[in-house]
């Protein structure tokens, strides 16, 4: 028993308390993780790898009080260390806390990433066949696609 604990008890008795038990604290309870919950989470993940965190919580009928580190530990234990990164599990837990129910990335706003596609390749090829002296910049402006994409099509795809 520590000296500070005995001093704390003496202070409590001086204040009129008759019990040595800690009084319940207000606010959110500490996170509790028990082996039963982590085992159940592991079993659910084994059954359906695409199961969402909220679905797991609803199936287990427990409030989500499992720490991200515990979830990661269970996933690593079940699927091996390299199965998923710790930061990804943390991100999922954050999303769940924000009320999201899907673990899929949401569509990003702004200009979409471009990629070389068959349609663009065909259009670039036709323009070059019409005017072999046409510059990459002119093709990009005419087709309204990035110069880097035109460059990739001309040099890598069409050769």
N, C-alpha and C. Protein backbone atom coordinates (compact mmCIF):
# COMPACT_ATOMS: atom_id res chain seq x y z
N UNK A 1 0.85 -1.17 0.00
CA UNK A 1 0.00 0.00 0.00
C UNK A 1 0.90 1.24 0.00
N UNK A 2 0.54 2.19 -0.80
CA UNK A 2 1.38 3.37 -0.93
C UNK A 2 1.06 4.40 0.16
N UNK A 3 2.05 5.20 0.45
CA UNK A 3 1.90 6.25 1.46
C UNK A 3 0.84 7.28 1.02
N UNK A 4 0.83 7.59 -0.29
CA UNK A 4 -0.13 8.58 -0.79
C UNK A 4 -1.57 8.07 -0.64
N UNK A 5 -1.75 6.76 -0.76
CA UNK A 5 -3.09 6.19 -0.61
C UNK A 5 -3.56 6.35 0.84
N UNK A 6 -2.68 6.09 1.79
CA UNK A 6 -3.03 6.23 3.21
C UNK A 6 -3.34 7.69 3.52
N UNK A 7 -2.55 8.61 2.97
CA UNK A 7 -2.81 10.04 3.17
C UNK A 7 -4.16 10.43 2.59
N UNK A 8 -4.49 9.86 1.44
CA UNK A 8 -5.78 10.15 0.82
C UNK A 8 -6.91 9.68 1.72
N UNK A 9 -6.78 8.48 2.30
CA UNK A 9 -7.82 7.96 3.19
C UNK A 9 -7.98 8.85 4.42
N UNK A 10 -6.85 9.30 4.97
CA UNK A 10 -6.91 10.19 6.14
C UNK A 10 -7.65 11.48 5.81
N UNK A 11 -7.38 12.02 4.62
CA UNK A 11 -8.08 13.23 4.18
C UNK A 11 -9.57 12.96 4.07
N UNK A 12 -9.94 11.82 3.51
CA UNK A 12 -11.35 11.48 3.35
C UNK A 12 -12.05 11.37 4.71
N UNK A 13 -11.40 10.71 5.66
CA UNK A 13 -12.01 10.57 6.99
C UNK A 13 -12.13 11.93 7.67
N UNK A 14 -11.15 12.81 7.42
CA UNK A 14 -11.23 14.16 7.96
C UNK A 14 -12.39 14.95 7.37
N UNK A 15 -12.78 14.63 6.13
CA UNK A 15 -13.90 15.29 5.46
C UNK A 15 -15.24 14.66 5.83
N UNK A 16 -15.20 13.59 6.63
CA UNK A 16 -16.45 12.96 7.06
C UNK A 16 -16.84 11.72 6.28
N UNK A 17 -16.03 11.29 5.35
CA UNK A 17 -16.36 10.06 4.60
C UNK A 17 -16.13 8.85 5.48
N UNK A 18 -16.95 7.84 5.29
CA UNK A 18 -16.81 6.63 6.11
C UNK A 18 -16.41 5.43 5.28
N UNK A 19 -16.29 5.60 3.99
CA UNK A 19 -15.94 4.48 3.11
C UNK A 19 -14.58 4.74 2.47
N UNK A 20 -13.83 3.66 2.28
CA UNK A 20 -12.53 3.77 1.63
C UNK A 20 -12.62 3.59 0.12
N UNK A 21 -13.80 3.27 -0.36
CA UNK A 21 -13.98 3.08 -1.80
C UNK A 21 -13.99 4.42 -2.52
N UNK A 22 -13.43 4.42 -3.73
CA UNK A 22 -13.47 5.63 -4.55
C UNK A 22 -14.91 5.91 -4.95
N UNK A 23 -15.29 7.18 -4.94
CA UNK A 23 -16.64 7.55 -5.36
C UNK A 23 -16.72 7.50 -6.88
N UNK A 24 -17.91 7.19 -7.40
CA UNK A 24 -18.04 7.18 -8.87
C UNK A 24 -17.74 8.57 -9.44
N UNK A 25 -17.03 8.57 -10.53
CA UNK A 25 -16.66 9.84 -11.15
C UNK A 25 -17.73 10.23 -12.17
N UNK A 26 -17.90 11.53 -12.35
CA UNK A 26 -18.87 12.01 -13.33
C UNK A 26 -18.22 11.99 -14.71
N UNK A 27 -19.03 12.08 -15.73
CA UNK A 27 -18.50 12.13 -17.09
C UNK A 27 -18.47 10.76 -17.73
N UNK A 28 -17.79 10.71 -18.84
CA UNK A 28 -17.70 9.49 -19.63
C UNK A 28 -16.86 8.46 -18.89
N UNK A 29 -17.35 7.22 -18.82
CA UNK A 29 -16.57 6.19 -18.13
C UNK A 29 -15.30 5.85 -18.91
N UNK A 30 -14.32 5.32 -18.20
CA UNK A 30 -13.09 4.91 -18.87
C UNK A 30 -13.41 3.80 -19.86
N UNK A 31 -12.61 3.74 -20.91
CA UNK A 31 -12.80 2.70 -21.91
C UNK A 31 -12.49 1.35 -21.29
N UNK A 32 -13.40 0.43 -21.49
CA UNK A 32 -13.14 -0.90 -20.98
C UNK A 32 -13.13 -1.88 -22.13
N UNK A 33 -12.14 -2.73 -22.14
CA UNK A 33 -12.04 -3.75 -23.16
C UNK A 33 -11.89 -5.07 -22.44
N UNK A 34 -12.78 -5.97 -22.74
CA UNK A 34 -12.59 -7.27 -22.13
C UNK A 34 -12.31 -8.29 -23.23
N UNK A 35 -11.75 -9.40 -22.85
CA UNK A 35 -11.34 -10.42 -23.80
C UNK A 35 -12.53 -10.97 -24.59
N UNK A 36 -13.69 -11.02 -23.94
CA UNK A 36 -14.89 -11.53 -24.60
C UNK A 36 -15.25 -10.64 -25.80
N UNK A 37 -15.25 -9.33 -25.60
CA UNK A 37 -15.58 -8.41 -26.69
C UNK A 37 -14.58 -8.52 -27.84
N UNK A 38 -13.28 -8.56 -27.52
CA UNK A 38 -12.28 -8.62 -28.58
C UNK A 38 -12.37 -9.95 -29.33
N UNK A 39 -12.69 -11.03 -28.64
CA UNK A 39 -12.86 -12.32 -29.30
C UNK A 39 -14.05 -12.28 -30.25
N UNK A 40 -15.15 -11.70 -29.79
CA UNK A 40 -16.34 -11.59 -30.64
C UNK A 40 -16.08 -10.73 -31.87
N UNK A 41 -15.36 -9.63 -31.70
CA UNK A 41 -15.01 -8.77 -32.83
C UNK A 41 -14.17 -9.56 -33.83
N UNK A 42 -13.20 -10.31 -33.34
CA UNK A 42 -12.36 -11.13 -34.21
C UNK A 42 -13.16 -12.15 -34.99
N UNK A 43 -14.12 -12.80 -34.34
CA UNK A 43 -14.97 -13.79 -35.01
C UNK A 43 -15.82 -13.14 -36.09
N UNK A 44 -16.37 -11.97 -35.79
CA UNK A 44 -17.19 -11.27 -36.78
C UNK A 44 -16.36 -10.86 -37.99
N UNK A 45 -15.13 -10.41 -37.75
CA UNK A 45 -14.26 -10.01 -38.85
C UNK A 45 -13.89 -11.22 -39.70
N UNK A 46 -13.67 -12.38 -39.06
CA UNK A 46 -13.36 -13.60 -39.82
C UNK A 46 -14.52 -13.97 -40.74
N UNK A 47 -15.75 -13.80 -40.25
CA UNK A 47 -16.93 -14.16 -41.04
C UNK A 47 -17.14 -13.22 -42.22
N UNK A 48 -16.94 -11.94 -42.01
CA UNK A 48 -17.19 -10.96 -43.06
C UNK A 48 -16.15 -9.85 -42.98
N UNK A 49 -15.14 -9.92 -43.84
CA UNK A 49 -14.04 -8.96 -43.80
C UNK A 49 -14.49 -7.54 -44.13
N UNK A 50 -15.64 -7.40 -44.79
CA UNK A 50 -16.11 -6.08 -45.19
C UNK A 50 -17.10 -5.49 -44.19
N UNK A 51 -17.27 -6.14 -43.05
CA UNK A 51 -18.23 -5.67 -42.05
C UNK A 51 -17.81 -4.29 -41.53
N UNK A 52 -18.77 -3.44 -41.36
CA UNK A 52 -18.52 -2.08 -40.89
C UNK A 52 -18.50 -2.06 -39.37
N UNK A 53 -17.77 -1.10 -38.81
CA UNK A 53 -17.62 -1.01 -37.36
C UNK A 53 -18.97 -0.88 -36.68
N UNK A 54 -19.84 -0.06 -37.23
CA UNK A 54 -21.16 0.13 -36.61
C UNK A 54 -21.94 -1.19 -36.62
N UNK A 55 -21.82 -1.97 -37.71
CA UNK A 55 -22.50 -3.26 -37.79
C UNK A 55 -22.00 -4.20 -36.70
N UNK A 56 -20.69 -4.17 -36.47
CA UNK A 56 -20.12 -5.00 -35.41
C UNK A 56 -20.71 -4.60 -34.07
N UNK A 57 -20.76 -3.30 -33.81
CA UNK A 57 -21.29 -2.81 -32.53
C UNK A 57 -22.75 -3.21 -32.37
N UNK A 58 -23.53 -3.11 -33.44
CA UNK A 58 -24.94 -3.47 -33.35
C UNK A 58 -25.11 -4.97 -33.14
N UNK A 59 -24.30 -5.78 -33.83
CA UNK A 59 -24.40 -7.23 -33.66
C UNK A 59 -24.05 -7.64 -32.23
N UNK A 60 -23.04 -7.01 -31.68
CA UNK A 60 -22.61 -7.37 -30.33
C UNK A 60 -23.47 -6.71 -29.26
N UNK A 61 -24.29 -5.74 -29.68
CA UNK A 61 -25.15 -5.00 -28.76
C UNK A 61 -24.34 -4.39 -27.61
N UNK A 62 -23.20 -3.82 -27.97
CA UNK A 62 -22.35 -3.17 -26.98
C UNK A 62 -22.06 -1.76 -27.45
N UNK A 63 -21.87 -0.84 -26.53
CA UNK A 63 -21.42 0.48 -26.95
C UNK A 63 -19.98 0.37 -27.43
N UNK A 64 -19.62 1.19 -28.39
CA UNK A 64 -18.26 1.14 -28.92
C UNK A 64 -17.28 1.76 -27.93
N UNK A 65 -16.76 0.91 -27.07
CA UNK A 65 -15.78 1.38 -26.09
C UNK A 65 -14.45 0.69 -26.30
N UNK A 66 -14.30 0.03 -27.41
CA UNK A 66 -13.05 -0.66 -27.68
C UNK A 66 -12.07 0.34 -28.29
N UNK A 67 -10.90 0.40 -27.74
CA UNK A 67 -9.89 1.33 -28.22
C UNK A 67 -9.39 0.91 -29.60
N UNK A 68 -8.99 1.88 -30.41
CA UNK A 68 -8.44 1.55 -31.73
C UNK A 68 -7.25 0.60 -31.63
N UNK A 69 -6.43 0.75 -30.60
CA UNK A 69 -5.28 -0.14 -30.44
C UNK A 69 -5.71 -1.58 -30.22
N UNK A 70 -6.83 -1.78 -29.51
CA UNK A 70 -7.36 -3.13 -29.29
C UNK A 70 -7.91 -3.71 -30.58
N UNK A 71 -8.60 -2.88 -31.35
CA UNK A 71 -9.14 -3.34 -32.63
C UNK A 71 -7.98 -3.74 -33.54
N UNK A 72 -6.94 -2.90 -33.58
CA UNK A 72 -5.77 -3.21 -34.41
C UNK A 72 -5.12 -4.51 -33.95
N UNK A 73 -4.97 -4.66 -32.63
CA UNK A 73 -4.35 -5.88 -32.09
C UNK A 73 -5.11 -7.11 -32.53
N UNK A 74 -6.44 -7.04 -32.47
CA UNK A 74 -7.26 -8.18 -32.83
C UNK A 74 -7.16 -8.48 -34.33
N UNK A 75 -7.16 -7.44 -35.15
CA UNK A 75 -7.02 -7.64 -36.60
C UNK A 75 -5.66 -8.25 -36.91
N UNK A 76 -4.61 -7.72 -36.29
CA UNK A 76 -3.26 -8.24 -36.51
C UNK A 76 -3.15 -9.68 -36.04
N UNK A 77 -3.79 -9.99 -34.93
CA UNK A 77 -3.78 -11.34 -34.37
C UNK A 77 -4.52 -12.30 -35.31
N UNK A 78 -5.60 -11.82 -35.90
CA UNK A 78 -6.43 -12.66 -36.75
C UNK A 78 -5.85 -12.84 -38.14
N UNK A 79 -5.36 -11.75 -38.74
CA UNK A 79 -4.93 -11.79 -40.13
C UNK A 79 -3.43 -11.67 -40.35
N UNK A 80 -2.66 -11.37 -39.36
CA UNK A 80 -1.21 -11.16 -39.38
C UNK A 80 -0.91 -9.67 -39.31
N UNK A 81 0.33 -9.37 -38.95
CA UNK A 81 0.75 -7.99 -38.70
C UNK A 81 0.53 -7.06 -39.88
N UNK A 82 0.81 -7.51 -41.09
CA UNK A 82 0.74 -6.63 -42.26
C UNK A 82 -0.64 -6.49 -42.86
N UNK A 83 -1.66 -7.03 -42.22
CA UNK A 83 -3.01 -7.03 -42.79
C UNK A 83 -3.56 -5.62 -42.95
N UNK A 84 -3.31 -4.76 -41.98
CA UNK A 84 -3.86 -3.41 -42.03
C UNK A 84 -3.00 -2.52 -41.14
N UNK A 85 -2.89 -1.27 -41.53
CA UNK A 85 -2.06 -0.36 -40.75
C UNK A 85 -2.81 0.16 -39.53
N UNK A 86 -2.05 0.49 -38.52
CA UNK A 86 -2.62 1.05 -37.29
C UNK A 86 -3.34 2.37 -37.58
N UNK A 87 -2.75 3.17 -38.49
CA UNK A 87 -3.34 4.48 -38.81
C UNK A 87 -4.69 4.32 -39.52
N UNK A 88 -4.84 3.26 -40.32
CA UNK A 88 -6.12 3.02 -41.01
C UNK A 88 -7.20 2.66 -39.99
N UNK A 89 -6.86 1.83 -39.02
CA UNK A 89 -7.82 1.47 -37.97
C UNK A 89 -8.21 2.72 -37.19
N UNK A 90 -7.23 3.56 -36.87
CA UNK A 90 -7.50 4.81 -36.16
C UNK A 90 -8.44 5.69 -36.98
N UNK A 91 -8.20 5.76 -38.29
CA UNK A 91 -9.04 6.57 -39.17
C UNK A 91 -10.47 6.04 -39.17
N UNK A 92 -10.64 4.73 -39.22
CA UNK A 92 -11.98 4.14 -39.19
C UNK A 92 -12.69 4.48 -37.89
N UNK A 93 -11.97 4.40 -36.79
CA UNK A 93 -12.58 4.71 -35.49
C UNK A 93 -13.01 6.18 -35.43
N UNK A 94 -12.19 7.04 -35.99
CA UNK A 94 -12.54 8.47 -36.05
C UNK A 94 -13.80 8.66 -36.88
N UNK A 95 -13.85 8.00 -38.03
CA UNK A 95 -15.04 8.09 -38.88
C UNK A 95 -16.28 7.61 -38.14
N UNK A 96 -16.15 6.49 -37.43
CA UNK A 96 -17.28 5.96 -36.69
C UNK A 96 -17.74 6.96 -35.64
N UNK A 97 -16.79 7.57 -34.96
CA UNK A 97 -17.12 8.58 -33.95
C UNK A 97 -17.82 9.79 -34.54
N UNK A 98 -17.56 10.08 -35.82
CA UNK A 98 -18.20 11.20 -36.51
C UNK A 98 -19.57 10.83 -37.07
N UNK A 99 -19.96 9.57 -36.89
CA UNK A 99 -21.28 9.14 -37.35
C UNK A 99 -21.31 8.46 -38.70
N UNK A 100 -20.15 8.27 -39.31
CA UNK A 100 -20.13 7.57 -40.59
C UNK A 100 -20.41 6.09 -40.38
N UNK A 101 -21.07 5.47 -41.34
CA UNK A 101 -21.38 4.05 -41.21
C UNK A 101 -20.65 3.20 -42.24
N UNK A 102 -19.97 3.83 -43.17
CA UNK A 102 -19.26 3.10 -44.21
C UNK A 102 -17.76 3.31 -44.05
N UNK A 103 -17.00 2.27 -44.32
CA UNK A 103 -15.54 2.38 -44.25
C UNK A 103 -14.93 2.74 -45.60
N UNK A 104 -15.78 2.87 -46.62
CA UNK A 104 -15.30 3.25 -47.94
C UNK A 104 -14.95 4.73 -47.94
N UNK A 105 -13.91 5.09 -48.71
CA UNK A 105 -13.55 6.49 -48.85
C UNK A 105 -14.67 7.22 -49.56
N UNK A 106 -14.98 8.41 -49.09
CA UNK A 106 -16.02 9.21 -49.73
C UNK A 106 -15.44 9.89 -50.96
N UNK A 107 -16.29 10.21 -51.95
CA UNK A 107 -15.78 10.89 -53.14
C UNK A 107 -15.15 12.23 -52.76
N UNK A 108 -14.06 12.53 -53.41
CA UNK A 108 -13.35 13.78 -53.13
C UNK A 108 -13.97 14.92 -53.95
N UNK A 109 -13.90 16.12 -53.40
CA UNK A 109 -14.38 17.27 -54.14
C UNK A 109 -13.25 17.79 -55.02
N UNK A 110 -13.60 18.61 -55.98
CA UNK A 110 -12.58 19.19 -56.84
C UNK A 110 -12.40 18.40 -58.12
N UNK A 111 -11.39 18.77 -58.85
CA UNK A 111 -11.13 18.15 -60.14
C UNK A 111 -10.68 16.71 -59.94
N UNK A 112 -11.29 15.77 -60.67
CA UNK A 112 -10.89 14.37 -60.51
C UNK A 112 -9.51 14.12 -61.10
N UNK A 113 -8.86 13.09 -60.59
CA UNK A 113 -7.57 12.72 -61.16
C UNK A 113 -7.80 12.23 -62.58
N UNK A 114 -6.85 12.52 -63.43
CA UNK A 114 -6.99 12.09 -64.82
C UNK A 114 -6.14 10.85 -65.04
N UNK A 115 -6.56 10.05 -65.96
CA UNK A 115 -5.77 8.89 -66.33
C UNK A 115 -5.92 8.69 -67.83
N UNK A 116 -4.93 8.07 -68.41
CA UNK A 116 -4.97 7.83 -69.84
C UNK A 116 -6.05 6.79 -70.10
N UNK A 117 -6.96 7.12 -71.00
CA UNK A 117 -7.99 6.16 -71.36
C UNK A 117 -8.01 5.98 -72.87
N UNK A 118 -8.76 5.00 -73.31
CA UNK A 118 -8.79 4.66 -74.73
C UNK A 118 -9.34 5.81 -75.58
N UNK A 119 -10.36 6.48 -75.08
CA UNK A 119 -10.97 7.58 -75.83
C UNK A 119 -9.96 8.71 -76.06
N UNK A 120 -9.25 9.09 -75.00
CA UNK A 120 -8.24 10.16 -75.12
C UNK A 120 -7.13 9.75 -76.08
N UNK A 121 -6.70 8.50 -75.97
CA UNK A 121 -5.64 8.01 -76.84
C UNK A 121 -6.07 8.09 -78.31
N UNK A 122 -7.29 7.68 -78.59
CA UNK A 122 -7.82 7.72 -79.96
C UNK A 122 -7.88 9.15 -80.48
N UNK A 123 -8.38 10.07 -79.65
CA UNK A 123 -8.49 11.48 -80.07
C UNK A 123 -7.12 12.10 -80.34
N UNK A 124 -6.16 11.83 -79.46
CA UNK A 124 -4.80 12.36 -79.65
C UNK A 124 -4.21 11.78 -80.93
N UNK A 125 -4.38 10.49 -81.14
CA UNK A 125 -3.85 9.83 -82.34
C UNK A 125 -4.44 10.45 -83.61
N UNK A 126 -5.75 10.70 -83.61
CA UNK A 126 -6.41 11.30 -84.78
C UNK A 126 -5.88 12.70 -85.05
N UNK A 127 -5.69 13.50 -83.99
CA UNK A 127 -5.16 14.86 -84.18
C UNK A 127 -3.75 14.84 -84.75
N UNK A 128 -2.94 13.92 -84.27
CA UNK A 128 -1.56 13.82 -84.76
C UNK A 128 -1.55 13.38 -86.22
N UNK A 129 -2.44 12.46 -86.59
CA UNK A 129 -2.51 12.01 -87.98
C UNK A 129 -2.94 13.14 -88.91
N UNK A 130 -3.82 14.02 -88.40
CA UNK A 130 -4.27 15.17 -89.21
C UNK A 130 -3.16 16.20 -89.38
N UNK A 131 -2.38 16.44 -88.31
CA UNK A 131 -1.31 17.45 -88.36
C UNK A 131 -0.14 16.95 -87.51
N UNK A 132 0.84 16.37 -88.18
CA UNK A 132 1.98 15.77 -87.49
C UNK A 132 2.85 16.80 -86.77
N UNK A 133 2.70 18.09 -87.11
CA UNK A 133 3.49 19.14 -86.47
C UNK A 133 2.78 19.77 -85.28
N UNK A 134 1.62 19.27 -84.93
CA UNK A 134 0.85 19.83 -83.81
C UNK A 134 1.61 19.57 -82.50
N UNK A 135 1.71 20.59 -81.70
CA UNK A 135 2.45 20.52 -80.43
C UNK A 135 1.56 19.93 -79.33
N UNK A 136 2.22 19.39 -78.31
CA UNK A 136 1.51 18.79 -77.17
C UNK A 136 0.59 19.80 -76.52
N UNK A 137 1.07 21.03 -76.38
CA UNK A 137 0.26 22.09 -75.77
C UNK A 137 -1.02 22.34 -76.57
N UNK A 138 -0.90 22.37 -77.90
CA UNK A 138 -2.06 22.60 -78.76
C UNK A 138 -3.08 21.46 -78.65
N UNK A 139 -2.56 20.23 -78.61
CA UNK A 139 -3.45 19.07 -78.47
C UNK A 139 -4.18 19.14 -77.13
N UNK A 140 -3.45 19.47 -76.07
CA UNK A 140 -4.04 19.55 -74.73
C UNK A 140 -5.14 20.61 -74.68
N UNK A 141 -4.88 21.77 -75.30
CA UNK A 141 -5.88 22.84 -75.32
C UNK A 141 -7.11 22.43 -76.14
N UNK A 142 -6.86 21.80 -77.26
CA UNK A 142 -7.96 21.41 -78.14
C UNK A 142 -8.86 20.35 -77.49
N UNK A 143 -8.25 19.38 -76.81
CA UNK A 143 -9.02 18.28 -76.20
C UNK A 143 -9.42 18.58 -74.75
N UNK A 144 -8.90 19.69 -74.21
CA UNK A 144 -9.17 20.08 -72.82
C UNK A 144 -8.76 18.99 -71.83
N UNK A 145 -7.54 18.49 -72.04
CA UNK A 145 -6.96 17.51 -71.11
C UNK A 145 -5.57 18.00 -70.73
N UNK A 146 -5.03 17.55 -69.60
CA UNK A 146 -3.72 18.03 -69.16
C UNK A 146 -2.60 17.70 -70.15
N UNK A 147 -1.62 18.59 -70.20
CA UNK A 147 -0.47 18.37 -71.08
C UNK A 147 0.27 17.10 -70.69
N UNK A 148 0.33 16.82 -69.39
CA UNK A 148 1.03 15.62 -68.95
C UNK A 148 0.38 14.35 -69.50
N UNK A 149 -0.94 14.40 -69.61
CA UNK A 149 -1.67 13.25 -70.16
C UNK A 149 -1.37 13.10 -71.65
N UNK A 150 -1.37 14.22 -72.37
CA UNK A 150 -1.05 14.18 -73.80
C UNK A 150 0.37 13.67 -73.99
N UNK A 151 1.30 14.17 -73.18
CA UNK A 151 2.70 13.74 -73.25
C UNK A 151 2.80 12.23 -73.03
N UNK A 152 2.10 11.73 -72.04
CA UNK A 152 2.12 10.29 -71.74
C UNK A 152 1.56 9.49 -72.92
N UNK A 153 0.48 9.97 -73.51
CA UNK A 153 -0.12 9.26 -74.65
C UNK A 153 0.84 9.25 -75.84
N UNK A 154 1.41 10.41 -76.16
CA UNK A 154 2.29 10.53 -77.33
C UNK A 154 3.55 9.70 -77.15
N UNK A 155 4.19 9.79 -75.99
CA UNK A 155 5.49 9.15 -75.81
C UNK A 155 5.42 7.71 -75.29
N UNK A 156 4.46 7.41 -74.45
CA UNK A 156 4.40 6.07 -73.85
C UNK A 156 3.42 5.14 -74.56
N UNK A 157 2.24 5.65 -74.88
CA UNK A 157 1.21 4.79 -75.45
C UNK A 157 1.37 4.64 -76.96
N UNK A 158 1.48 5.77 -77.66
CA UNK A 158 1.58 5.72 -79.12
C UNK A 158 3.01 5.47 -79.60
N UNK A 159 3.96 5.86 -78.79
CA UNK A 159 5.37 5.63 -79.10
C UNK A 159 5.84 6.51 -80.16
